[in-house]
């Protein structure tokens, strides 16, 4: 078994020595705007219901498809119901 290292948790290793003088602010900003980056944070109870982001996308697509079908039904029957009220 290995002995624990004496390095404290707030010390960075030498290979992670960043040179912030060469950093560019907003380097990927335009690309993110162009490609779109939508980040959604799910509540913990909702996140537990899905095993992956693909499952979340599948559920949302299914909901959108159902919503579109319901909207079409409502708009068709809405015209008849409005004329019946007169």
C-alpha atoms as a PDB file:
ATOM      1  CA  UNK A   1       0.000   0.000   0.000  1.00  0.00           C
ATOM      2  CA  UNK A   2       1.302   3.477  -0.880  1.00  0.00           C
ATOM      3  CA  UNK A   3       1.985   6.030   1.798  1.00  0.00           C
ATOM      4  CA  UNK A   4      -0.072   9.201   1.595  1.00  0.00           C
ATOM      5  CA  UNK A   5       1.608  12.134  -0.045  1.00  0.00           C
ATOM      6  CA  UNK A   6       2.546  15.135   2.096  1.00  0.00           C
ATOM      7  CA  UNK A   7       1.259  17.543  -0.582  1.00  0.00           C
ATOM      8  CA  UNK A   8      -1.586  19.667   0.731  1.00  0.00           C
ATOM      9  CA  UNK A   9      -4.817  19.829  -1.265  1.00  0.00           C
ATOM     10  CA  UNK A  10      -4.392  23.526  -2.175  1.00  0.00           C
ATOM     11  CA  UNK A  11      -0.962  23.100  -3.814  1.00  0.00           C
ATOM     12  CA  UNK A  12      -0.884  22.598  -7.562  1.00  0.00           C
ATOM     13  CA  UNK A  13       1.470  20.179  -9.189  1.00  0.00           C
ATOM     14  CA  UNK A  14       4.279  21.616 -11.282  1.00  0.00           C
ATOM     15  CA  UNK A  15       2.715  20.389 -14.550  1.00  0.00           C
ATOM     16  CA  UNK A  16      -0.308  22.581 -13.820  1.00  0.00           C
ATOM     17  CA  UNK A  17       1.667  25.799 -13.662  1.00  0.00           C
ATOM     18  CA  UNK A  18      -0.394  28.121 -15.891  1.00  0.00           C
ATOM     19  CA  UNK A  19       1.065  31.211 -17.510  1.00  0.00           C
ATOM     20  CA  UNK A  20      -1.863  33.609 -17.318  1.00  0.00           C
ATOM     21  CA  UNK A  21       0.110  36.335 -19.094  1.00  0.00           C
ATOM     22  CA  UNK A  22      -0.525  34.421 -22.341  1.00  0.00           C
ATOM     23  CA  UNK A  23      -4.218  33.854 -21.661  1.00  0.00           C
ATOM     24  CA  UNK A  24      -6.780  35.405 -24.012  1.00  0.00           C
ATOM     25  CA  UNK A  25     -10.057  36.575 -22.527  1.00  0.00           C
ATOM     26  CA  UNK A  26     -13.106  35.452 -24.487  1.00  0.00           C
ATOM     27  CA  UNK A  27     -11.093  33.321 -26.906  1.00  0.00           C
ATOM     28  CA  UNK A  28     -14.033  31.017 -27.672  1.00  0.00           C
ATOM     29  CA  UNK A  29     -16.814  33.551 -27.143  1.00  0.00           C
ATOM     30  CA  UNK A  30     -17.689  34.081 -30.819  1.00  0.00           C
ATOM     31  CA  UNK A  31     -17.609  30.347 -31.523  1.00  0.00           C
ATOM     32  CA  UNK A  32     -20.002  29.701 -28.663  1.00  0.00           C
ATOM     33  CA  UNK A  33     -22.361  32.351 -29.985  1.00  0.00           C
ATOM     34  CA  UNK A  34     -22.184  30.893 -33.485  1.00  0.00           C
ATOM     35  CA  UNK A  35     -22.602  27.249 -32.490  1.00  0.00           C
ATOM     36  CA  UNK A  36     -24.857  27.916 -29.563  1.00  0.00           C
ATOM     37  CA  UNK A  37     -24.178  26.644 -26.107  1.00  0.00           C
ATOM     38  CA  UNK A  38     -27.248  25.933 -24.035  1.00  0.00           C
ATOM     39  CA  UNK A  39     -26.482  24.631 -20.595  1.00  0.00           C
ATOM     40  CA  UNK A  40     -29.403  23.588 -18.465  1.00  0.00           C
ATOM     41  CA  UNK A  41     -29.013  22.556 -14.851  1.00  0.00           C
ATOM     42  CA  UNK A  42     -31.593  20.027 -13.729  1.00  0.00           C
ATOM     43  CA  UNK A  43     -32.932  19.859 -10.213  1.00  0.00           C
ATOM     44  CA  UNK A  44     -31.578  16.812  -8.370  1.00  0.00           C
ATOM     45  CA  UNK A  45     -34.916  14.969  -8.347  1.00  0.00           C
ATOM     46  CA  UNK A  46     -35.282  15.417 -12.118  1.00  0.00           C
ATOM     47  CA  UNK A  47     -31.661  14.437 -12.772  1.00  0.00           C
ATOM     48  CA  UNK A  48     -32.167  11.155 -10.880  1.00  0.00           C
ATOM     49  CA  UNK A  49     -34.920  10.209 -13.338  1.00  0.00           C
ATOM     50  CA  UNK A  50     -32.534  10.183 -16.312  1.00  0.00           C
ATOM     51  CA  UNK A  51     -29.450   8.026 -16.848  1.00  0.00           C
ATOM     52  CA  UNK A  52     -27.800  10.304 -19.425  1.00  0.00           C
ATOM     53  CA  UNK A  53     -28.154  13.515 -21.403  1.00  0.00           C
ATOM     54  CA  UNK A  54     -29.346  11.421 -24.355  1.00  0.00           C
ATOM     55  CA  UNK A  55     -32.244  10.180 -22.218  1.00  0.00           C
ATOM     56  CA  UNK A  56     -33.155  13.759 -21.308  1.00  0.00           C
ATOM     57  CA  UNK A  57     -33.071  14.773 -24.984  1.00  0.00           C
ATOM     58  CA  UNK A  58     -35.227  11.793 -25.964  1.00  0.00           C
ATOM     59  CA  UNK A  59     -37.812  12.650 -23.306  1.00  0.00           C
ATOM     60  CA  UNK A  60     -37.903  16.320 -24.323  1.00  0.00           C
ATOM     61  CA  UNK A  61     -38.283  15.451 -28.018  1.00  0.00           C
ATOM     62  CA  UNK A  62     -41.131  13.123 -27.153  1.00  0.00           C
ATOM     63  CA  UNK A  63     -42.788  15.868 -25.116  1.00  0.00           C
ATOM     64  CA  UNK A  64     -42.391  18.346 -27.988  1.00  0.00           C
ATOM     65  CA  UNK A  65     -43.894  15.882 -30.457  1.00  0.00           C
ATOM     66  CA  UNK A  66     -46.857  15.294 -28.127  1.00  0.00           C
ATOM     67  CA  UNK A  67     -47.267  19.033 -27.617  1.00  0.00           C
ATOM     68  CA  UNK A  68     -47.344  19.668 -31.364  1.00  0.00           C
ATOM     69  CA  UNK A  69     -49.946  16.946 -31.890  1.00  0.00           C
ATOM     70  CA  UNK A  70     -52.091  18.317 -29.057  1.00  0.00           C
ATOM     71  CA  UNK A  71     -51.774  21.865 -30.368  1.00  0.00           C
ATOM     72  CA  UNK A  72     -53.031  20.741 -33.785  1.00  0.00           C
ATOM     73  CA  UNK A  73     -56.011  18.984 -32.216  1.00  0.00           C
ATOM     74  CA  UNK A  74     -56.836  21.989 -30.068  1.00  0.00           C
ATOM     75  CA  UNK A  75     -56.636  24.471 -32.924  1.00  0.00           C
ATOM     76  CA  UNK A  76     -58.961  22.341 -35.099  1.00  0.00           C
ATOM     77  CA  UNK A  77     -61.565  21.843 -32.435  1.00  0.00           C
ATOM     78  CA  UNK A  78     -61.195  25.419 -31.168  1.00  0.00           C
ATOM     79  CA  UNK A  79     -62.765  26.835 -34.314  1.00  0.00           C
ATOM     80  CA  UNK A  80     -65.840  24.653 -34.009  1.00  0.00           C
ATOM     81  CA  UNK A  81     -66.247  25.366 -30.313  1.00  0.00           C
ATOM     82  CA  UNK A  82     -66.049  29.127 -30.898  1.00  0.00           C
ATOM     83  CA  UNK A  83     -68.762  29.020 -33.534  1.00  0.00           C
ATOM     84  CA  UNK A  84     -70.973  26.858 -31.332  1.00  0.00           C
ATOM     85  CA  UNK A  85     -70.876  29.474 -28.565  1.00  0.00           C
ATOM     86  CA  UNK A  86     -72.564  32.146 -30.670  1.00  0.00           C
END
